[in-house]
Amino acid sequence: GTYRLAAEHAFHGDGLLIRFLDFEPLANMPTGAPDADALYAT
């Protein structure tokens, strides 16, 4: 209801595995910088 998961990419190397998650704000989200608290809630 806040963000939609648009893409997922994972990489690894040197003891590290990372998932990167790209989100798209839905129409009800204000424009501007991404809301970190809202992303954590998602």
Full PDB file with SEQRES, HELIX, SHEET, SSBOND, CRYST1, ORIGX, SCALE, CONECT and MASTER records, all heavy atoms in Angstrom:
SEQRES   1 A   42  GLY THR TYR ARG LEU ALA ALA GLU HIS ALA PHE HIS GLY          
SEQRES   2 A   42  ASP GLY LEU LEU ILE ARG PHE LEU ASP PHE GLU PRO LEU          
SEQRES   3 A   42  ALA ASN MET PRO THR GLY ALA PRO ASP ALA ASP ALA LEU          
SEQRES   4 A   42  TYR ALA THR                                                  
HELIX    1 AA1 ALA A   36  ALA A   41  1                                   6    
SHEET    1 AA1 2 TYR A   3  GLY A  13  0                                        
SHEET    2 AA1 2 LEU A  16  PRO A  25 -1                                        
CRYST1    1.000    1.000    1.000  90.00  90.00  90.00 P 1           1          
ORIGX1      1.000000  0.000000  0.000000        0.00000                         
ORIGX2      0.000000  1.000000  0.000000        0.00000                         
ORIGX3      0.000000  0.000000  1.000000        0.00000                         
SCALE1      1.000000  0.000000  0.000000        0.00000                         
SCALE2      0.000000  1.000000  0.000000        0.00000                         
SCALE3      0.000000  0.000000  1.000000        0.00000                         
ATOM      1  N   GLY A   1       0.800  -1.217   0.000  1.00  0.00           N  
ATOM      2  CA  GLY A   1       0.000   0.000   0.000  1.00  0.00           C  
ATOM      3  C   GLY A   1       0.828   1.260   0.000  1.00  0.00           C  
ATOM      4  O   GLY A   1       0.290   2.366  -0.139  1.00  0.00           O  
ATOM      5  N   THR A   2       2.140   1.124   0.164  1.00  0.00           N  
ATOM      6  CA  THR A   2       3.044   2.271   0.173  1.00  0.00           C  
ATOM      7  C   THR A   2       4.070   2.174  -0.949  1.00  0.00           C  
ATOM      8  O   THR A   2       4.240   3.093  -1.746  1.00  0.00           O  
ATOM      9  CB  THR A   2       3.775   2.369   1.527  1.00  0.00           C  
ATOM     10  OG1 THR A   2       2.802   2.465   2.574  1.00  0.00           O  
ATOM     11  CG2 THR A   2       4.671   3.593   1.578  1.00  0.00           C  
ATOM     12  N   TYR A   3       4.783   1.054  -1.000  1.00  0.00           N  
ATOM     13  CA  TYR A   3       5.782   0.796  -2.024  1.00  0.00           C  
ATOM     14  C   TYR A   3       5.500  -0.544  -2.693  1.00  0.00           C  
ATOM     15  O   TYR A   3       4.975  -1.475  -2.063  1.00  0.00           O  
ATOM     16  CB  TYR A   3       7.197   0.756  -1.437  1.00  0.00           C  
ATOM     17  CG  TYR A   3       7.771   2.101  -1.070  1.00  0.00           C  
ATOM     18  CD1 TYR A   3       7.849   2.509   0.261  1.00  0.00           C  
ATOM     19  CD2 TYR A   3       8.244   2.971  -2.045  1.00  0.00           C  
ATOM     20  CE1 TYR A   3       8.383   3.744   0.609  1.00  0.00           C  
ATOM     21  CE2 TYR A   3       8.776   4.207  -1.711  1.00  0.00           C  
ATOM     22  CZ  TYR A   3       8.846   4.593  -0.384  1.00  0.00           C  
ATOM     23  OH  TYR A   3       9.370   5.814  -0.060  1.00  0.00           O  
ATOM     24  N   ARG A   4       5.874  -0.636  -3.973  1.00  0.00           N  
ATOM     25  CA  ARG A   4       5.802  -1.888  -4.719  1.00  0.00           C  
ATOM     26  C   ARG A   4       7.211  -2.357  -5.020  1.00  0.00           C  
ATOM     27  O   ARG A   4       8.071  -1.550  -5.414  1.00  0.00           O  
ATOM     28  CB  ARG A   4       5.050  -1.690  -6.043  1.00  0.00           C  
ATOM     29  CG  ARG A   4       4.891  -2.951  -6.881  1.00  0.00           C  
ATOM     30  CD  ARG A   4       4.180  -2.652  -8.193  1.00  0.00           C  
ATOM     31  NE  ARG A   4       5.065  -1.971  -9.125  1.00  0.00           N  
ATOM     32  CZ  ARG A   4       5.874  -2.611  -9.979  1.00  0.00           C  
ATOM     33  NH1 ARG A   4       5.909  -3.932 -10.005  1.00  0.00           N  
ATOM     34  NH2 ARG A   4       6.631  -1.921 -10.800  1.00  0.00           N  
ATOM     35  N   LEU A   5       7.487  -3.660  -4.806  1.00  0.00           N  
ATOM     36  CA  LEU A   5       8.812  -4.188  -5.135  1.00  0.00           C  
ATOM     37  C   LEU A   5       8.900  -4.336  -6.651  1.00  0.00           C  
ATOM     38  O   LEU A   5       8.215  -5.159  -7.252  1.00  0.00           O  
ATOM     39  CB  LEU A   5       9.069  -5.524  -4.454  1.00  0.00           C  
ATOM     40  CG  LEU A   5      10.466  -6.106  -4.729  1.00  0.00           C  
ATOM     41  CD1 LEU A   5      11.553  -5.192  -4.176  1.00  0.00           C  
ATOM     42  CD2 LEU A   5      10.610  -7.512  -4.155  1.00  0.00           C  
ATOM     43  N   ALA A   6       9.765  -3.516  -7.281  1.00  0.00           N  
ATOM     44  CA  ALA A   6       9.883  -3.496  -8.735  1.00  0.00           C  
ATOM     45  C   ALA A   6      10.965  -4.442  -9.242  1.00  0.00           C  
ATOM     46  O   ALA A   6      10.843  -4.988 -10.338  1.00  0.00           O  
ATOM     47  CB  ALA A   6      10.182  -2.075  -9.209  1.00  0.00           C  
ATOM     48  N   ALA A   7      12.039  -4.618  -8.467  1.00  0.00           N  
ATOM     49  CA  ALA A   7      13.151  -5.446  -8.946  1.00  0.00           C  
ATOM     50  C   ALA A   7      13.969  -5.933  -7.767  1.00  0.00           C  
ATOM     51  O   ALA A   7      14.010  -5.306  -6.692  1.00  0.00           O  
ATOM     52  CB  ALA A   7      14.037  -4.654  -9.913  1.00  0.00           C  
ATOM     53  N   GLU A   8      14.632  -7.056  -7.981  1.00  0.00           N  
ATOM     54  CA  GLU A   8      15.540  -7.637  -6.983  1.00  0.00           C  
ATOM     55  C   GLU A   8      16.788  -8.116  -7.699  1.00  0.00           C  
ATOM     56  O   GLU A   8      16.705  -8.739  -8.761  1.00  0.00           O  
ATOM     57  CB  GLU A   8      14.856  -8.807  -6.265  1.00  0.00           C  
ATOM     58  CG  GLU A   8      15.755  -9.514  -5.252  1.00  0.00           C  
ATOM     59  CD  GLU A   8      16.303 -10.859  -5.743  1.00  0.00           C  
ATOM     60  OE1 GLU A   8      16.318 -11.102  -6.969  1.00  0.00           O  
ATOM     61  OE2 GLU A   8      16.730 -11.660  -4.909  1.00  0.00           O  
ATOM     62  N   HIS A   9      17.945  -7.775  -7.141  1.00  0.00           N  
ATOM     63  CA  HIS A   9      19.218  -8.226  -7.689  1.00  0.00           C  
ATOM     64  C   HIS A   9      20.109  -8.648  -6.527  1.00  0.00           C  
ATOM     65  O   HIS A   9      20.156  -7.965  -5.500  1.00  0.00           O  
ATOM     66  CB  HIS A   9      19.910  -7.121  -8.482  1.00  0.00           C  
ATOM     67  CG  HIS A   9      19.169  -6.689  -9.708  1.00  0.00           C  
ATOM     68  ND1 HIS A   9      18.107  -5.803  -9.654  1.00  0.00           N  
ATOM     69  CD2 HIS A   9      19.311  -7.027 -11.014  1.00  0.00           C  
ATOM     70  CE1 HIS A   9      17.641  -5.620 -10.885  1.00  0.00           C  
ATOM     71  NE2 HIS A   9      18.341  -6.347 -11.716  1.00  0.00           N  
ATOM     72  N   ALA A  10      20.815  -9.738  -6.684  1.00  0.00           N  
ATOM     73  CA  ALA A  10      21.722 -10.228  -5.636  1.00  0.00           C  
ATOM     74  C   ALA A  10      23.135 -10.362  -6.204  1.00  0.00           C  
ATOM     75  O   ALA A  10      23.321 -10.699  -7.379  1.00  0.00           O  
ATOM     76  CB  ALA A  10      21.236 -11.563  -5.090  1.00  0.00           C  
ATOM     77  N   PHE A  11      24.106 -10.101  -5.344  1.00  0.00           N  
ATOM     78  CA  PHE A  11      25.523 -10.195  -5.697  1.00  0.00           C  
ATOM     79  C   PHE A  11      26.264 -10.836  -4.529  1.00  0.00           C  
ATOM     80  O   PHE A  11      25.806 -10.788  -3.386  1.00  0.00           O  
ATOM     81  CB  PHE A  11      26.116  -8.803  -5.954  1.00  0.00           C  
ATOM     82  CG  PHE A  11      25.550  -8.081  -7.143  1.00  0.00           C  
ATOM     83  CD1 PHE A  11      24.358  -7.378  -7.041  1.00  0.00           C  
ATOM     84  CD2 PHE A  11      26.215  -8.077  -8.362  1.00  0.00           C  
ATOM     85  CE1 PHE A  11      23.829  -6.693  -8.127  1.00  0.00           C  
ATOM     86  CE2 PHE A  11      25.692  -7.395  -9.451  1.00  0.00           C  
ATOM     87  CZ  PHE A  11      24.499  -6.707  -9.339  1.00  0.00           C  
ATOM     88  N   HIS A  12      27.444 -11.398  -4.815  1.00  0.00           N  
ATOM     89  CA  HIS A  12      28.253 -11.950  -3.728  1.00  0.00           C  
ATOM     90  C   HIS A  12      29.732 -11.731  -4.016  1.00  0.00           C  
ATOM     91  O   HIS A  12      30.143 -11.505  -5.155  1.00  0.00           O  
ATOM     92  CB  HIS A  12      27.971 -13.453  -3.538  1.00  0.00           C  
ATOM     93  CG  HIS A  12      28.658 -14.337  -4.550  1.00  0.00           C  
ATOM     94  ND1 HIS A  12      29.902 -14.893  -4.340  1.00  0.00           N  
ATOM     95  CD2 HIS A  12      28.263 -14.759  -5.776  1.00  0.00           C  
ATOM     96  CE1 HIS A  12      30.252 -15.624  -5.384  1.00  0.00           C  
ATOM     97  NE2 HIS A  12      29.278 -15.553  -6.274  1.00  0.00           N  
ATOM     98  N   GLY A  13      30.522 -11.838  -2.939  1.00  0.00           N  
ATOM     99  CA  GLY A  13      31.969 -11.748  -3.046  1.00  0.00           C  
ATOM    100  C   GLY A  13      32.600 -11.524  -1.699  1.00  0.00           C  
ATOM    101  O   GLY A  13      32.057 -10.805  -0.858  1.00  0.00           O  
ATOM    102  N   ASP A  14      33.734 -12.172  -1.465  1.00  0.00           N  
ATOM    103  CA  ASP A  14      34.542 -11.941  -0.268  1.00  0.00           C  
ATOM    104  C   ASP A  14      33.730 -12.073   1.026  1.00  0.00           C  
ATOM    105  O   ASP A  14      33.746 -11.193   1.891  1.00  0.00           O  
ATOM    106  CB  ASP A  14      35.193 -10.555  -0.337  1.00  0.00           C  
ATOM    107  CG  ASP A  14      36.315 -10.379   0.699  1.00  0.00           C  
ATOM    108  OD1 ASP A  14      36.867 -11.401   1.141  1.00  0.00           O  
ATOM    109  OD2 ASP A  14      36.618  -9.224   1.049  1.00  0.00           O  
ATOM    110  N   GLY A  15      32.999 -13.201   1.151  1.00  0.00           N  
ATOM    111  CA  GLY A  15      32.256 -13.465   2.370  1.00  0.00           C  
ATOM    112  C   GLY A  15      30.980 -12.682   2.525  1.00  0.00           C  
ATOM    113  O   GLY A  15      30.395 -12.654   3.615  1.00  0.00           O  
ATOM    114  N   LEU A  16      30.520 -12.055   1.453  1.00  0.00           N  
ATOM    115  CA  LEU A  16      29.349 -11.191   1.526  1.00  0.00           C  
ATOM    116  C   LEU A  16      28.347 -11.600   0.459  1.00  0.00           C  
ATOM    117  O   LEU A  16      28.709 -11.850  -0.694  1.00  0.00           O  
ATOM    118  CB  LEU A  16      29.767  -9.739   1.309  1.00  0.00           C  
ATOM    119  CG  LEU A  16      28.752  -8.636   1.562  1.00  0.00           C  
ATOM    120  CD1 LEU A  16      28.369  -8.569   3.024  1.00  0.00           C  
ATOM    121  CD2 LEU A  16      29.323  -7.288   1.107  1.00  0.00           C  
ATOM    122  N   LEU A  17      27.076 -11.664   0.853  1.00  0.00           N  
ATOM    123  CA  LEU A  17      25.969 -11.882  -0.073  1.00  0.00           C  
ATOM    124  C   LEU A  17      24.974 -10.751   0.159  1.00  0.00           C  
ATOM    125  O   LEU A  17      24.582 -10.486   1.300  1.00  0.00           O  
ATOM    126  CB  LEU A  17      25.313 -13.238   0.186  1.00  0.00           C  
ATOM    127  CG  LEU A  17      24.054 -13.590  -0.605  1.00  0.00           C  
ATOM    128  CD1 LEU A  17      24.334 -13.657  -2.096  1.00  0.00           C  
ATOM    129  CD2 LEU A  17      23.483 -14.921  -0.118  1.00  0.00           C  
ATOM    130  N   ILE A  18      24.591 -10.064  -0.920  1.00  0.00           N  
ATOM    131  CA  ILE A  18      23.724  -8.889  -0.793  1.00  0.00           C  
ATOM    132  C   ILE A  18      22.534  -9.026  -1.717  1.00  0.00           C  
ATOM    133  O   ILE A  18      22.683  -9.325  -2.905  1.00  0.00           O  
ATOM    134  CB  ILE A  18      24.461  -7.580  -1.148  1.00  0.00           C  
ATOM    135  CG1 ILE A  18      25.789  -7.465  -0.408  1.00  0.00           C  
ATOM    136  CG2 ILE A  18      23.582  -6.372  -0.834  1.00  0.00           C  
ATOM    137  CD1 ILE A  18      26.585  -6.225  -0.790  1.00  0.00           C  
ATOM    138  N   ARG A  19      21.328  -8.803  -1.161  1.00  0.00           N  
ATOM    139  CA  ARG A  19      20.142  -8.611  -1.986  1.00  0.00           C  
ATOM    140  C   ARG A  19      19.853  -7.109  -2.038  1.00  0.00           C  
ATOM    141  O   ARG A  19      19.699  -6.461  -0.992  1.00  0.00           O  
ATOM    142  CB  ARG A  19      18.924  -9.312  -1.388  1.00  0.00           C  
ATOM    143  CG  ARG A  19      18.842 -10.805  -1.581  1.00  0.00           C  
ATOM    144  CD  ARG A  19      17.423 -11.269  -1.280  1.00  0.00           C  
ATOM    145  NE  ARG A  19      17.325 -12.677  -0.981  1.00  0.00           N  
ATOM    146  CZ  ARG A  19      17.161 -13.633  -1.900  1.00  0.00           C  
ATOM    147  NH1 ARG A  19      17.125 -13.308  -3.169  1.00  0.00           N  
ATOM    148  NH2 ARG A  19      17.051 -14.898  -1.534  1.00  0.00           N  
ATOM    149  N   PHE A  20      19.768  -6.574  -3.242  1.00  0.00           N  
ATOM    150  CA  PHE A  20      19.343  -5.194  -3.448  1.00  0.00           C  
ATOM    151  C   PHE A  20      17.889  -5.217  -3.892  1.00  0.00           C  
ATOM    152  O   PHE A  20      17.523  -5.937  -4.826  1.00  0.00           O  
ATOM    153  CB  PHE A  20      20.197  -4.507  -4.513  1.00  0.00           C  
ATOM    154  CG  PHE A  20      21.634  -4.315  -4.129  1.00  0.00           C  
ATOM    155  CD1 PHE A  20      22.618  -5.146  -4.634  1.00  0.00           C  
ATOM    156  CD2 PHE A  20      22.010  -3.299  -3.264  1.00  0.00           C  
ATOM    157  CE1 PHE A  20      23.953  -4.974  -4.294  1.00  0.00           C  
ATOM    158  CE2 PHE A  20      23.336  -3.116  -2.907  1.00  0.00           C  
ATOM    159  CZ  PHE A  20      24.315  -3.948  -3.425  1.00  0.00           C  
ATOM    160  N   LEU A  21      17.062  -4.410  -3.251  1.00  0.00           N  
ATOM    161  CA  LEU A  21      15.634  -4.363  -3.532  1.00  0.00           C  
ATOM    162  C   LEU A  21      15.267  -2.967  -4.028  1.00  0.00           C  
ATOM    163  O   LEU A  21      15.494  -1.970  -3.338  1.00  0.00           O  
ATOM    164  CB  LEU A  21      14.833  -4.692  -2.269  1.00  0.00           C  
ATOM    165  CG  LEU A  21      15.223  -6.001  -1.560  1.00  0.00           C  
ATOM    166  CD1 LEU A  21      14.488  -6.108  -0.222  1.00  0.00           C  
ATOM    167  CD2 LEU A  21      14.920  -7.205  -2.442  1.00  0.00           C  
ATOM    168  N   ASP A  22      14.724  -2.898  -5.246  1.00  0.00           N  
ATOM    169  CA  ASP A  22      14.290  -1.637  -5.833  1.00  0.00           C  
ATOM    170  C   ASP A  22      12.773  -1.507  -5.678  1.00  0.00           C  
ATOM    171  O   ASP A  22      12.033  -2.390  -6.131  1.00  0.00           O  
ATOM    172  CB  ASP A  22      14.638  -1.584  -7.321  1.00  0.00           C  
ATOM    173  CG  ASP A  22      16.048  -1.097  -7.573  1.00  0.00           C  
ATOM    174  OD1 ASP A  22      16.850  -1.130  -6.629  1.00  0.00           O  
ATOM    175  OD2 ASP A  22      16.344  -0.704  -8.718  1.00  0.00           O  
ATOM    176  N   PHE A  23      12.350  -0.427  -5.068  1.00  0.00           N  
ATOM    177  CA  PHE A  23      10.921  -0.194  -4.843  1.00  0.00           C  
ATOM    178  C   PHE A  23      10.431   0.990  -5.680  1.00  0.00           C  
ATOM    179  O   PHE A  23      11.210   1.873  -6.046  1.00  0.00           O  
ATOM    180  CB  PHE A  23      10.653   0.089  -3.359  1.00  0.00           C  
ATOM    181  CG  PHE A  23      10.894  -1.089  -2.460  1.00  0.00           C  
ATOM    182  CD1 PHE A  23      12.123  -1.272  -1.845  1.00  0.00           C  
ATOM    183  CD2 PHE A  23       9.896  -2.021  -2.229  1.00  0.00           C  
ATOM    184  CE1 PHE A  23      12.354  -2.364  -1.013  1.00  0.00           C  
ATOM    185  CE2 PHE A  23      10.116  -3.111  -1.401  1.00  0.00           C  
ATOM    186  CZ  PHE A  23      11.346  -3.289  -0.794  1.00  0.00           C  
ATOM    187  N   GLU A  24       9.138   0.985  -5.950  1.00  0.00           N  
ATOM    188  CA  GLU A  24       8.474   2.115  -6.594  1.00  0.00           C  
ATOM    189  C   GLU A  24       7.411   2.648  -5.651  1.00  0.00           C  
ATOM    190  O   GLU A  24       6.593   1.866  -5.136  1.00  0.00           O  
ATOM    191  CB  GLU A  24       7.817   1.684  -7.910  1.00  0.00           C  
ATOM    192  CG  GLU A  24       8.792   1.299  -8.998  1.00  0.00           C  
ATOM    193  CD  GLU A  24       8.088   0.832 -10.264  1.00  0.00           C  
ATOM    194  OE1 GLU A  24       6.850   0.599 -10.191  1.00  0.00           O  
ATOM    195  OE2 GLU A  24       8.753   0.709 -11.295  1.00  0.00           O  
ATOM    196  N   PRO A  25       7.381   3.959  -5.409  1.00  0.00           N  
ATOM    197  CA  PRO A  25       6.332   4.511  -4.544  1.00  0.00           C  
ATOM    198  C   PRO A  25       4.981   4.454  -5.238  1.00  0.00           C  
ATOM    199  O   PRO A  25       4.877   4.672  -6.446  1.00  0.00           O  
ATOM    200  CB  PRO A  25       6.780   5.957  -4.315  1.00  0.00           C  
ATOM    201  CG  PRO A  25       7.652   6.268  -5.493  1.00  0.00           C  
ATOM    202  CD  PRO A  25       8.309   4.983  -5.904  1.00  0.00           C  
ATOM    203  N   LEU A  26       3.955   4.141  -4.482  1.00  0.00           N  
ATOM    204  CA  LEU A  26       2.608   4.148  -5.033  1.00  0.00           C  
ATOM    205  C   LEU A  26       2.073   5.581  -5.083  1.00  0.00           C  
ATOM    206  O   LEU A  26       2.684   6.513  -4.553  1.00  0.00           O  
ATOM    207  CB  LEU A  26       1.703   3.249  -4.199  1.00  0.00           C  
ATOM    208  CG  LEU A  26       2.141   1.764  -4.154  1.00  0.00           C  
ATOM    209  CD1 LEU A  26       1.120   0.939  -3.376  1.00  0.00           C  
ATOM    210  CD2 LEU A  26       2.346   1.197  -5.553  1.00  0.00           C  
ATOM    211  N   ALA A  27       0.935   5.745  -5.700  1.00  0.00           N  
ATOM    212  CA  ALA A  27       0.420   7.089  -5.983  1.00  0.00           C  
ATOM    213  C   ALA A  27       0.171   7.899  -4.721  1.00  0.00           C  
ATOM    214  O   ALA A  27       0.193   9.136  -4.753  1.00  0.00           O  
ATOM    215  CB  ALA A  27      -0.859   6.987  -6.811  1.00  0.00           C  
ATOM    216  N   ASN A  28      -0.082   7.221  -3.590  1.00  0.00           N  
ATOM    217  CA  ASN A  28      -0.395   7.961  -2.369  1.00  0.00           C  
ATOM    218  C   ASN A  28       0.846   8.479  -1.646  1.00  0.00           C  
ATOM    219  O   ASN A  28       0.731   9.175  -0.639  1.00  0.00           O  
ATOM    220  CB  ASN A  28      -1.199   7.078  -1.406  1.00  0.00           C  
ATOM    221  CG  ASN A  28      -0.438   5.824  -0.993  1.00  0.00           C  
ATOM    222  OD1 ASN A  28       0.283   5.249  -1.802  1.00  0.00           O  
ATOM    223  ND2 ASN A  28      -0.607   5.398   0.246  1.00  0.00           N  
ATOM    224  N   MET A  29       2.055   8.124  -2.148  1.00  0.00           N  
ATOM    225  CA  MET A  29       3.286   8.568  -1.493  1.00  0.00           C  
ATOM    226  C   MET A  29       3.654   9.970  -1.964  1.00  0.00           C  
ATOM    227  O   MET A  29       3.542  10.289  -3.145  1.00  0.00           O  
ATOM    228  CB  MET A  29       4.425   7.602  -1.812  1.00  0.00           C  
ATOM    229  CG  MET A  29       4.309   6.273  -1.086  1.00  0.00           C  
ATOM    230  SD  MET A  29       4.461   6.465   0.716  1.00  0.00           S  
ATOM    231  CE  MET A  29       6.183   6.912   0.863  1.00  0.00           C  
ATOM    232  N   PRO A  30       4.107  10.832  -1.051  1.00  0.00           N  
ATOM    233  CA  PRO A  30       4.537  12.171  -1.466  1.00  0.00           C  
ATOM    234  C   PRO A  30       5.805  12.096  -2.303  1.00  0.00           C  
ATOM    235  O   PRO A  30       6.604  11.164  -2.170  1.00  0.00           O  
ATOM    236  CB  PRO A  30       4.784  12.895  -0.133  1.00  0.00           C  
ATOM    237  CG  PRO A  30       5.077  11.789   0.846  1.00  0.00           C  
ATOM    238  CD  PRO A  30       4.241  10.626   0.406  1.00  0.00           C  
ATOM    239  N   THR A  31       5.986  13.064  -3.184  1.00  0.00           N  
ATOM    240  CA  THR A  31       7.201  13.119  -3.982  1.00  0.00           C  
ATOM    241  C   THR A  31       8.358  13.596  -3.104  1.00  0.00           C  
ATOM    242  O   THR A  31       8.159  14.158  -2.035  1.00  0.00           O  
ATOM    243  CB  THR A  31       7.032  14.072  -5.172  1.00  0.00           C  
ATOM    244  OG1 THR A  31       6.689  15.376  -4.677  1.00  0.00           O  
ATOM    245  CG2 THR A  31       5.926  13.574  -6.100  1.00  0.00           C  
ATOM    246  N   GLY A  32       9.570  13.363  -3.584  1.00  0.00           N  
ATOM    247  CA  GLY A  32      10.736  13.767  -2.819  1.00  0.00           C  
ATOM    248  C   GLY A  32      11.579  12.575  -2.438  1.00  0.00           C  
ATOM    249  O   GLY A  32      11.473  11.490  -3.019  1.00  0.00           O  
ATOM    250  N   ALA A  33      12.438  12.762  -1.451  1.00  0.00           N  
ATOM    251  CA  ALA A  33      13.357  11.712  -1.033  1.00  0.00           C  
ATOM    252  C   ALA A  33      12.578  10.510  -0.494  1.00  0.00           C  
ATOM    253  O   ALA A  33      11.523  10.678   0.133  1.00  0.00           O  
ATOM    254  CB  ALA A  33      14.304  12.241   0.037  1.00  0.00           C  
ATOM    255  N   PRO A  34      13.084   9.288  -0.733  1.00  0.00           N  
ATOM    256  CA  PRO A  34      12.409   8.108  -0.194  1.00  0.00           C  
ATOM    257  C   PRO A  34      12.302   8.158   1.327  1.00  0.00           C  
ATOM    258  O   PRO A  34      13.181   8.677   2.019  1.00  0.00           O  
ATOM    259  CB  PRO A  34      13.334   6.957  -0.635  1.00  0.00           C  
ATOM    260  CG  PRO A  34      14.088   7.489  -1.802  1.00  0.00           C  
ATOM    261  CD  PRO A  34      14.265   8.948  -1.544  1.00  0.00           C  
ATOM    262  N   ASP A  35      11.205   7.652   1.847  1.00  0.00           N  
ATOM    263  CA  ASP A  35      10.935   7.628   3.273  1.00  0.00           C  
ATOM    264  C   ASP A  35      11.539   6.352   3.858  1.00  0.00           C  
ATOM    265  O   ASP A  35      11.034   5.250   3.617  1.00  0.00           O  
ATOM    266  CB  ASP A  35       9.423   7.673   3.502  1.00  0.00           C  
ATOM    267  CG  ASP A  35       9.047   7.781   4.973  1.00  0.00           C  
ATOM    268  OD1 ASP A  35       9.743   7.175   5.814  1.00  0.00           O  
ATOM    269  OD2 ASP A  35       8.050   8.437   5.287  1.00  0.00           O  
ATOM    270  N   ALA A  36      12.645   6.489   4.612  1.00  0.00           N  
ATOM    271  CA  ALA A  36      13.340   5.322   5.136  1.00  0.00           C  
ATOM    272  C   ALA A  36      12.441   4.506   6.055  1.00  0.00           C  
ATOM    273  O   ALA A  36      12.426   3.265   5.980  1.00  0.00           O  
ATOM    274  CB  ALA A  36      14.613   5.755   5.867  1.00  0.00           C  
ATOM    275  N   ASP A  37      11.689   5.174   6.925  1.00  0.00           N  
ATOM    276  CA  ASP A  37      10.810   4.442   7.843  1.00  0.00           C  
ATOM    277  C   ASP A  37       9.759   3.647   7.071  1.00  0.00           C  
ATOM    278  O   ASP A  37       9.432   2.515   7.429  1.00  0.00           O  
ATOM    279  CB  ASP A  37      10.131   5.408   8.812  1.00  0.00           C  
ATOM    280  CG  ASP A  37      11.105   5.990   9.834  1.00  0.00           C  
ATOM    281  OD1 ASP A  37      12.157   5.356  10.076  1.00  0.00           O  
ATOM    282  OD2 ASP A  37      10.813   7.061  10.390  1.00  0.00           O  
ATOM    283  N   ALA A  38       9.222   4.243   6.001  1.00  0.00           N  
ATOM    284  CA  ALA A  38       8.221   3.543   5.200  1.00  0.00           C  
ATOM    285  C   ALA A  38       8.842   2.344   4.487  1.00  0.00           C  
ATOM    286  O   ALA A  38       8.210   1.292   4.348  1.00  0.00           O  
ATOM    287  CB  ALA A  38       7.599   4.495   4.185  1.00  0.00           C  
ATOM    288  N   LEU A  39      10.095   2.476   4.032  1.00  0.00           N  
ATOM    289  CA  LEU A  39      10.766   1.351   3.387  1.00  0.00           C  
ATOM    290  C   LEU A  39      10.983   0.210   4.379  1.00  0.00           C  
ATOM    291  O   LEU A  39      10.776  -0.966   4.039  1.00  0.00           O  
ATOM    292  CB  LEU A  39      12.102   1.798   2.800  1.00  0.00           C  
ATOM    293  CG  LEU A  39      12.033   2.598   1.499  1.00  0.00           C  
ATOM    294  CD1 LEU A  39      13.404   3.165   1.152  1.00  0.00           C  
ATOM    295  CD2 LEU A  39      11.530   1.732   0.355  1.00  0.00           C  
ATOM    296  N   TYR A  40      11.395   0.546   5.595  1.00  0.00           N  
ATOM    297  CA  TYR A  40      11.570  -0.500   6.613  1.00  0.00           C  
ATOM    298  C   TYR A  40      10.225  -1.162   6.941  1.00  0.00           C  
ATOM    299  O   TYR A  40      10.164  -2.376   7.172  1.00  0.00           O  
ATOM    300  CB  TYR A  40      12.204   0.081   7.867  1.00  0.00           C  
ATOM    301  CG  TYR A  40      13.690   0.339   7.749  1.00  0.00           C  
ATOM    302  CD1 TYR A  40      14.239   1.578   8.045  1.00  0.00           C  
ATOM    303  CD2 TYR A  40      14.557  -0.675   7.349  1.00  0.00           C  
ATOM    304  CE1 TYR A  40      15.607   1.819   7.934  1.00  0.00           C  
ATOM    305  CE2 TYR A  40      15.923  -0.443   7.241  1.00  0.00           C  
ATOM    306  CZ  TYR A  40      16.442   0.807   7.535  1.00  0.00           C  
ATOM    307  OH  TYR A  40      17.791   1.034   7.426  1.00  0.00           O  
ATOM    308  N   ALA A  41       9.149  -0.379   6.944  1.00  0.00           N  
ATOM    309  CA  ALA A  41       7.833  -0.956   7.196  1.00  0.00           C  
ATOM    310  C   ALA A  41       7.423  -1.890   6.065  1.00  0.00           C  
ATOM    311  O   ALA A  41       6.809  -2.941   6.305  1.00  0.00           O  
ATOM    312  CB  ALA A  41       6.802   0.164   7.368  1.00  0.00           C  
ATOM    313  N   THR A  42       7.771  -1.537   4.838  1.00  0.00           N  
ATOM    314  CA  THR A  42       7.495  -2.414   3.702  1.00  0.00           C  
ATOM    315  C   THR A  42       8.273  -3.714   3.843  1.00  0.00           C  
ATOM    316  O   THR A  42       7.765  -4.801   3.535  1.00  0.00           O  
ATOM    317  CB  THR A  42       7.865  -1.715   2.379  1.00  0.00           C  
ATOM    318  OG1 THR A  42       7.114  -0.509   2.261  1.00  0.00           O  
ATOM    319  CG2 THR A  42       7.571  -2.608   1.183  1.00  0.00           C  
TER     320      THR A  42                                                      
MASTER        0    0    0    1    2    0    0    6  319    1    0    4          
END                                                                             
